[in-house]
């Protein structure tokens, strides 16, 4: 509670200080203040600070400030504000490869693919961040084939682009995409695809395409098994109806996070036996109270208790929850149907 008060007081100070110094402070510093607000999910306050630069002084705003303003608009899906910023800086875009990816990202994440596509198509110098913004947008809007088409235009993809391609292939999950991934891997140094972020994406795509063997081989070769890497394997085992292996993997994790706990609950729910119920009770008694404030963890626990036949524990957990979400109600209702019908 005290830490939250201190953070809020600090954010208020940042906003007031930014306003006071707007006329004299450098663009970089104001951009940094906006970033602090964005990082703390104070998006509206970041835009209030941006408003210190009215239409007459927009040309003096640095790229850094514009990027932070667009980030705030994207996070709260403030389409009108983003459009206004676009109109104010439109004359700069032809000579500015830095703002354009943020603008494309804004339109894509807010569902305006036409605007994003037009910006991308009319750009004479397409950078990797622009390709990345388009690919990420296509994934969000369930157009993975367009991601693959775009990837094929890129001569030297970086790590981010490759991860986005893997995510698109996972979304499709067919043998065609599996073969594409393996072709790409043959041209990538092993040191790169064993990097944790990329390897977790690669494990995910192997699992979604049904190639459990390749996923296991990659996991075993990985020297840095991070929690996301374990999570990708566990999720893949569950997708492929190998929940016992997901549970075995969970038992290797020393300090599981909320994602790992949610996944092991899903695995227990898939099996639904007395053995998994014992494990669930053990997990439930050991995890810290902070996990019980996570609606995903609570929903997964309720669902798993119900699927394992422990209605009493499921209802007790539901009643104890102070923030009852629709999925929690759904887990209780589905569980009762599962048991009594």
Protein backbone atom coordinates (compact mmCIF):
# COMPACT_ATOMS: atom_id res chain seq x y z
CA UNK A 1 0.00 0.00 0.00
CA UNK A 2 2.79 2.43 1.01
CA UNK A 3 4.77 1.62 -2.15
CA UNK A 4 1.70 2.32 -4.32
CA UNK A 5 1.22 5.70 -2.61
CA UNK A 6 4.88 6.56 -3.18
CA UNK A 7 4.67 5.56 -6.84
CA UNK A 8 1.50 7.61 -7.38
CA UNK A 9 3.05 10.63 -5.64
CA UNK A 10 6.15 10.30 -7.78
CA UNK A 11 4.09 10.08 -10.96
CA UNK A 12 2.16 13.19 -9.97
CA UNK A 13 5.47 14.95 -9.36
CA UNK A 14 6.72 13.85 -12.79
CA UNK A 15 3.62 15.21 -14.49
CA UNK A 16 3.70 18.55 -12.63
CA UNK A 17 7.42 18.93 -13.15
CA UNK A 18 7.01 18.18 -16.84
CA UNK A 19 4.36 20.85 -17.18
CA UNK A 20 6.43 23.42 -15.31
CA UNK A 21 9.51 22.78 -17.39
CA UNK A 22 7.82 22.19 -20.74
CA UNK A 23 8.92 25.52 -22.13
CA UNK A 24 12.58 25.12 -21.16
CA UNK A 25 13.19 21.39 -20.83
CA UNK A 26 14.80 19.52 -23.69
CA UNK A 27 12.75 17.28 -25.94
CA UNK A 28 14.70 14.28 -24.73
CA UNK A 29 13.85 14.92 -21.08
CA UNK A 30 10.14 15.37 -21.77
CA UNK A 31 10.21 12.17 -23.82
CA UNK A 32 11.86 10.42 -20.89
CA UNK A 33 9.19 11.72 -18.51
CA UNK A 34 6.51 10.38 -20.87
CA UNK A 35 8.28 7.03 -20.99
CA UNK A 36 8.23 6.81 -17.18
CA UNK A 37 4.49 7.44 -17.25
CA UNK A 38 3.96 4.88 -20.03
CA UNK A 39 6.09 2.28 -18.24
CA UNK A 40 3.84 2.72 -15.19
CA UNK A 41 0.71 2.41 -17.35
CA UNK A 42 -0.19 6.07 -16.79
CA UNK A 43 -1.02 6.53 -20.46
CA UNK A 44 -3.51 9.37 -20.08
CA UNK A 45 -1.04 11.31 -17.97
CA UNK A 46 1.63 10.79 -20.64
CA UNK A 47 -0.76 12.29 -23.19
CA UNK A 48 -1.52 15.21 -20.87
CA UNK A 49 2.19 15.95 -20.82
CA UNK A 50 2.29 15.65 -24.61
CA UNK A 51 -0.52 18.21 -24.85
CA UNK A 52 1.94 20.83 -23.58
CA UNK A 53 3.10 20.82 -27.20
CA UNK A 54 0.17 22.31 -29.10
CA UNK A 55 -0.29 22.34 -32.85
CA UNK A 56 1.95 25.38 -33.24
CA UNK A 57 4.93 23.67 -31.63
CA UNK A 58 4.42 20.10 -32.88
CA UNK A 59 7.26 20.58 -35.36
CA UNK A 60 9.61 21.05 -32.40
CA UNK A 61 8.70 17.68 -30.87
CA UNK A 62 11.43 15.10 -31.16
CA UNK A 63 10.83 11.63 -32.57
CA UNK A 64 11.15 10.32 -29.01
CA UNK A 65 8.19 12.41 -27.82
CA UNK A 66 6.02 11.44 -30.80
CA UNK A 67 6.83 7.74 -30.29
CA UNK A 68 5.88 7.91 -26.61
CA UNK A 69 2.63 9.72 -27.47
CA UNK A 70 1.74 7.07 -30.05
CA UNK A 71 2.58 4.33 -27.56
CA UNK A 72 0.13 5.84 -25.07
CA UNK A 73 -2.55 6.13 -27.77
CA UNK A 74 -1.98 2.49 -28.74
CA UNK A 75 -2.27 1.19 -25.18
CA UNK A 76 -5.61 2.91 -24.53
CA UNK A 77 -6.73 2.61 -28.17
CA UNK A 78 -7.30 6.37 -28.45
CA UNK A 79 -7.90 6.37 -32.19
CA UNK A 80 -8.94 10.01 -32.45
CA UNK A 81 -5.83 11.24 -30.65
CA UNK A 82 -3.59 9.02 -32.78
CA UNK A 83 -5.22 10.31 -35.97
CA UNK A 84 -4.67 13.88 -34.83
CA UNK A 85 -0.99 13.21 -34.16
CA UNK A 86 -0.68 11.57 -37.58
CA UNK A 87 -2.19 14.62 -39.28
CA UNK A 88 0.09 16.99 -37.39
CA UNK A 89 3.28 15.13 -38.32
CA UNK A 90 2.30 13.94 -41.82
CA UNK A 91 4.78 16.27 -43.52
CA UNK A 92 7.65 14.67 -41.57
CA UNK A 93 6.88 11.04 -42.35
CA UNK A 94 8.62 10.81 -45.73
CA UNK A 95 11.93 11.68 -44.12
CA UNK A 96 11.38 9.97 -40.77
CA UNK A 97 11.94 6.19 -40.58
CA UNK A 98 11.71 6.21 -36.76
CA UNK A 99 8.15 7.41 -36.13
CA UNK A 100 6.61 5.40 -38.96
CA UNK A 101 6.87 1.97 -37.24
CA UNK A 102 5.12 3.37 -34.15
CA UNK A 103 2.37 4.85 -36.30
CA UNK A 104 1.89 1.58 -38.20
CA UNK A 105 1.84 -0.29 -34.88
CA UNK A 106 -0.79 2.12 -33.53
CA UNK A 107 -3.12 1.59 -36.48
CA UNK A 108 -2.65 -2.19 -36.51
CA UNK A 109 -3.24 -2.64 -32.78
CA UNK A 110 -6.36 -0.46 -32.98
CA UNK A 111 -7.72 -2.53 -35.86
CA UNK A 112 -7.29 0.03 -38.66
CA UNK A 113 -5.34 -2.16 -41.08
CA UNK A 114 -6.14 0.03 -44.10
CA UNK A 115 -4.29 3.02 -42.65
CA UNK A 116 -1.35 0.83 -41.59
CA UNK A 117 -1.15 -0.84 -44.99
CA UNK A 118 -1.24 2.50 -46.80
CA UNK A 119 1.61 3.86 -44.70
CA UNK A 120 3.67 0.74 -45.30
CA UNK A 121 2.97 0.55 -49.04
CA UNK A 122 3.77 4.22 -49.70
CA UNK A 123 7.03 4.16 -47.75
CA UNK A 124 10.06 4.22 -50.04
CA UNK A 125 12.44 2.95 -47.36
CA UNK A 126 11.03 -0.04 -45.51
CA UNK A 127 13.00 -0.76 -42.33
CA UNK A 128 12.94 -3.91 -40.20
CA UNK A 129 10.92 -2.15 -37.44
CA UNK A 130 8.28 -1.29 -40.07
CA UNK A 131 8.13 -4.92 -41.21
CA UNK A 132 7.91 -5.97 -37.57
CA UNK A 133 5.01 -3.60 -36.86
CA UNK A 134 3.12 -4.94 -39.88
CA UNK A 135 3.81 -8.58 -39.01
CA UNK A 136 2.76 -8.11 -35.38
CA UNK A 137 -0.41 -6.40 -36.57
CA UNK A 138 -1.26 -9.21 -38.97
CA UNK A 139 -0.86 -11.73 -36.15
CA UNK A 140 -3.14 -9.71 -33.87
CA UNK A 141 -5.72 -9.49 -36.65
CA UNK A 142 -5.52 -13.25 -37.42
CA UNK A 143 -3.82 -12.91 -40.80
CA UNK A 144 -0.78 -15.19 -40.35
CA UNK A 145 -0.38 -15.98 -44.05
CA UNK A 146 0.27 -12.29 -44.73
CA UNK A 147 3.02 -12.43 -42.11
CA UNK A 148 4.72 -15.21 -44.05
CA UNK A 149 4.35 -13.32 -47.34
CA UNK A 150 5.94 -10.26 -45.75
CA UNK A 151 8.75 -12.32 -44.23
CA UNK A 152 9.65 -13.60 -47.69
CA UNK A 153 10.35 -10.00 -48.78
CA UNK A 154 13.01 -9.48 -46.11
CA UNK A 155 16.62 -10.16 -47.08
CA UNK A 156 18.25 -10.15 -43.64
CA UNK A 157 15.66 -10.77 -40.90
CA UNK A 158 16.69 -10.11 -37.31
CA UNK A 159 15.73 -12.04 -34.17
CA UNK A 160 12.47 -10.11 -33.67
CA UNK A 161 11.32 -10.76 -37.24
CA UNK A 162 12.11 -14.48 -36.93
CA UNK A 163 10.15 -14.74 -33.67
CA UNK A 164 7.15 -13.04 -35.31
CA UNK A 165 7.33 -15.50 -38.20
CA UNK A 166 7.38 -18.42 -35.76
CA UNK A 167 4.31 -16.98 -34.01
CA UNK A 168 2.49 -16.76 -37.34
CA UNK A 169 3.44 -20.34 -38.23
CA UNK A 170 2.20 -21.48 -34.81
CA UNK A 171 -1.11 -19.75 -35.49
CA UNK A 172 -1.54 -21.82 -38.67
CA UNK A 173 -0.03 -25.05 -37.29
CA UNK A 174 0.16 -27.12 -40.48
CA UNK A 175 2.91 -29.25 -42.02
CA UNK A 176 3.55 -26.52 -44.58
CA UNK A 177 4.50 -24.08 -41.82
CA UNK A 178 6.52 -26.75 -40.00
CA UNK A 179 8.60 -27.32 -43.13
CA UNK A 180 9.08 -23.56 -43.53
CA UNK A 181 10.34 -23.26 -39.96
CA UNK A 182 12.82 -26.10 -40.46
CA UNK A 183 14.12 -24.49 -43.68
CA UNK A 184 14.69 -21.23 -41.83
CA UNK A 185 16.44 -23.03 -38.98
CA UNK A 186 18.92 -24.58 -41.39
CA UNK A 187 20.18 -21.06 -42.17
CA UNK A 188 20.36 -19.81 -38.57
CA UNK A 189 23.40 -20.30 -36.30
CA UNK A 190 22.60 -22.67 -33.43
CA UNK A 191 23.71 -20.05 -30.91
CA UNK A 192 20.86 -17.81 -32.08
CA UNK A 193 17.96 -20.27 -31.92
CA UNK A 194 19.12 -21.58 -28.53
CA UNK A 195 18.68 -18.05 -27.12
CA UNK A 196 15.79 -18.31 -24.59
CA UNK A 197 13.30 -15.91 -26.22
CA UNK A 198 13.73 -17.42 -29.66
CA UNK A 199 13.87 -21.01 -28.42
CA UNK A 200 10.58 -20.64 -26.50
CA UNK A 201 8.91 -19.34 -29.69
CA UNK A 202 10.43 -22.20 -31.66
CA UNK A 203 9.27 -24.80 -29.13
CA UNK A 204 5.79 -23.27 -29.30
CA UNK A 205 5.61 -23.52 -33.10
CA UNK A 206 6.92 -27.11 -33.09
CA UNK A 207 4.27 -28.08 -30.54
CA UNK A 208 1.45 -26.28 -32.38
CA UNK A 209 2.46 -28.10 -35.57
CA UNK A 210 2.43 -31.44 -33.72
CA UNK A 211 6.19 -32.03 -33.84
CA UNK A 212 6.73 -32.94 -30.19
CA UNK A 213 10.01 -34.73 -30.97
CA UNK A 214 11.68 -31.59 -32.37
CA UNK A 215 10.38 -29.51 -29.46
CA UNK A 216 11.83 -31.98 -26.94
CA UNK A 217 15.17 -32.09 -28.77
CA UNK A 218 15.43 -28.30 -28.73
CA UNK A 219 14.48 -28.13 -25.05
CA UNK A 220 17.08 -30.75 -24.11
CA UNK A 221 19.81 -28.87 -26.03
CA UNK A 222 18.96 -25.55 -24.43
CA UNK A 223 21.53 -24.49 -21.85
CA UNK A 224 19.37 -21.68 -20.44
CA UNK A 225 16.02 -23.16 -19.51
CA UNK A 226 14.08 -20.07 -18.44
CA UNK A 227 10.54 -20.11 -17.07
CA UNK A 228 9.10 -19.09 -20.49
CA UNK A 229 10.95 -22.03 -22.10
CA UNK A 230 9.43 -24.40 -19.53
CA UNK A 231 6.07 -22.73 -20.13
CA UNK A 232 6.28 -23.29 -23.89
CA UNK A 233 7.03 -26.98 -23.33
CA UNK A 234 4.23 -27.41 -20.78
CA UNK A 235 1.70 -25.67 -23.01
CA UNK A 236 2.82 -27.81 -25.94
CA UNK A 237 2.42 -31.03 -23.99
CA UNK A 238 -1.11 -29.99 -22.99
CA UNK A 239 -2.00 -29.11 -26.60
CA UNK A 240 -0.80 -32.56 -27.66
CA UNK A 241 -2.66 -34.36 -24.82
CA UNK A 242 0.52 -35.21 -22.94
CA UNK A 243 -0.45 -33.67 -19.62
CA UNK A 244 1.58 -36.10 -17.49
CA UNK A 245 4.73 -34.83 -19.17
CA UNK A 246 3.64 -31.25 -18.48
CA UNK A 247 3.31 -32.11 -14.78
CA UNK A 248 6.72 -33.83 -14.75
CA UNK A 249 8.23 -30.68 -16.23
CA UNK A 250 6.48 -28.47 -13.68
CA UNK A 251 8.11 -30.47 -10.89
CA UNK A 252 11.53 -29.44 -12.25
CA UNK A 253 10.82 -25.71 -11.84
CA UNK A 254 12.25 -24.32 -8.61
CA UNK A 255 10.29 -21.07 -8.51
CA UNK A 256 7.22 -21.36 -10.79
CA UNK A 257 5.51 -18.14 -11.85
CA UNK A 258 1.78 -17.61 -12.36
CA UNK A 259 1.96 -18.90 -15.96
CA UNK A 260 3.57 -22.20 -14.92
CA UNK A 261 1.01 -22.64 -12.14
CA UNK A 262 -1.86 -21.91 -14.54
CA UNK A 263 -0.46 -24.47 -16.98
CA UNK A 264 -0.01 -27.21 -14.37
CA UNK A 265 -3.62 -26.62 -13.28
CA UNK A 266 -4.70 -27.03 -16.91
CA UNK A 267 -2.73 -30.28 -17.11
CA UNK A 268 -4.36 -31.58 -13.91
CA UNK A 269 -7.79 -30.63 -15.27
CA UNK A 270 -7.08 -32.54 -18.47
CA UNK A 271 -6.29 -35.72 -16.52
CA UNK A 272 -8.82 -35.26 -13.71
CA UNK A 273 -7.77 -38.13 -11.43
CA UNK A 274 -7.24 -38.42 -7.67
CA UNK A 275 -3.47 -38.21 -8.16
CA UNK A 276 -3.79 -34.79 -9.81
CA UNK A 277 -6.18 -33.65 -7.08
CA UNK A 278 -3.51 -34.40 -4.44
CA UNK A 279 -1.03 -32.34 -6.46
CA UNK A 280 -3.50 -29.47 -6.81
CA UNK A 281 -4.08 -29.34 -3.06
CA UNK A 282 -0.33 -29.32 -2.48
CA UNK A 283 0.19 -26.48 -4.98
CA UNK A 284 -2.74 -24.53 -3.57
CA UNK A 285 -1.32 -24.73 -0.04
CA UNK A 286 2.20 -23.68 -1.05
CA UNK A 287 1.73 -20.77 -3.45
CA UNK A 288 1.92 -17.26 -2.05
CA UNK A 289 -1.19 -15.15 -1.48
CA UNK A 290 -0.21 -12.88 -4.37
CA UNK A 291 -1.12 -15.65 -6.82
CA UNK A 292 -4.70 -15.62 -5.52
CA UNK A 293 -5.08 -12.06 -6.80
CA UNK A 294 -4.37 -13.29 -10.34
CA UNK A 295 -7.72 -14.14 -11.99
CA UNK A 296 -6.08 -16.54 -14.46
CA UNK A 297 -4.51 -18.61 -11.67
CA UNK A 298 -7.75 -18.65 -9.65
CA UNK A 299 -9.85 -19.61 -12.68
CA UNK A 300 -7.46 -22.44 -13.58
CA UNK A 301 -7.46 -23.73 -10.00
CA UNK A 302 -11.27 -23.68 -9.84
CA UNK A 303 -11.50 -25.48 -13.18
CA UNK A 304 -8.94 -28.10 -12.12
CA UNK A 305 -10.62 -28.75 -8.75
CA UNK A 306 -13.94 -29.19 -10.53
CA UNK A 307 -12.50 -31.51 -13.19
CA UNK A 308 -10.89 -33.59 -10.43
CA UNK A 309 -14.23 -33.86 -8.60
CA UNK A 310 -13.45 -31.57 -5.64
CA UNK A 311 -16.47 -29.26 -5.78
CA UNK A 312 -15.98 -28.13 -2.18
CA UNK A 313 -12.48 -26.74 -2.76
CA UNK A 314 -13.54 -25.12 -6.03
CA UNK A 315 -16.50 -23.34 -4.43
CA UNK A 316 -14.45 -22.30 -1.40
CA UNK A 317 -11.86 -20.73 -3.70
CA UNK A 318 -14.60 -19.04 -5.73
CA UNK A 319 -16.26 -17.63 -2.59
CA UNK A 320 -12.91 -16.42 -1.25
CA UNK A 321 -12.13 -14.49 -4.44
CA UNK A 322 -12.80 -10.76 -4.12
CA UNK A 323 -12.74 -10.14 -7.89
CA UNK A 324 -15.02 -12.67 -9.55
CA UNK A 325 -14.54 -12.60 -13.31
CA UNK A 326 -16.76 -14.10 -16.01
CA UNK A 327 -14.28 -16.98 -16.62
CA UNK A 328 -14.47 -17.87 -12.90
CA UNK A 329 -18.25 -18.13 -13.10
CA UNK A 330 -17.79 -20.16 -16.28
CA UNK A 331 -15.37 -22.55 -14.57
CA UNK A 332 -17.86 -23.17 -11.73
CA UNK A 333 -20.81 -23.64 -14.09
CA UNK A 334 -18.90 -25.87 -16.51
CA UNK A 335 -17.55 -27.92 -13.62
CA UNK A 336 -21.02 -28.51 -12.18
CA UNK A 337 -22.25 -29.60 -15.60
CA UNK A 338 -19.18 -31.84 -16.01
CA UNK A 339 -19.83 -33.56 -12.65
CA UNK A 340 -23.60 -33.76 -12.43
CA UNK A 341 -24.65 -34.34 -16.04
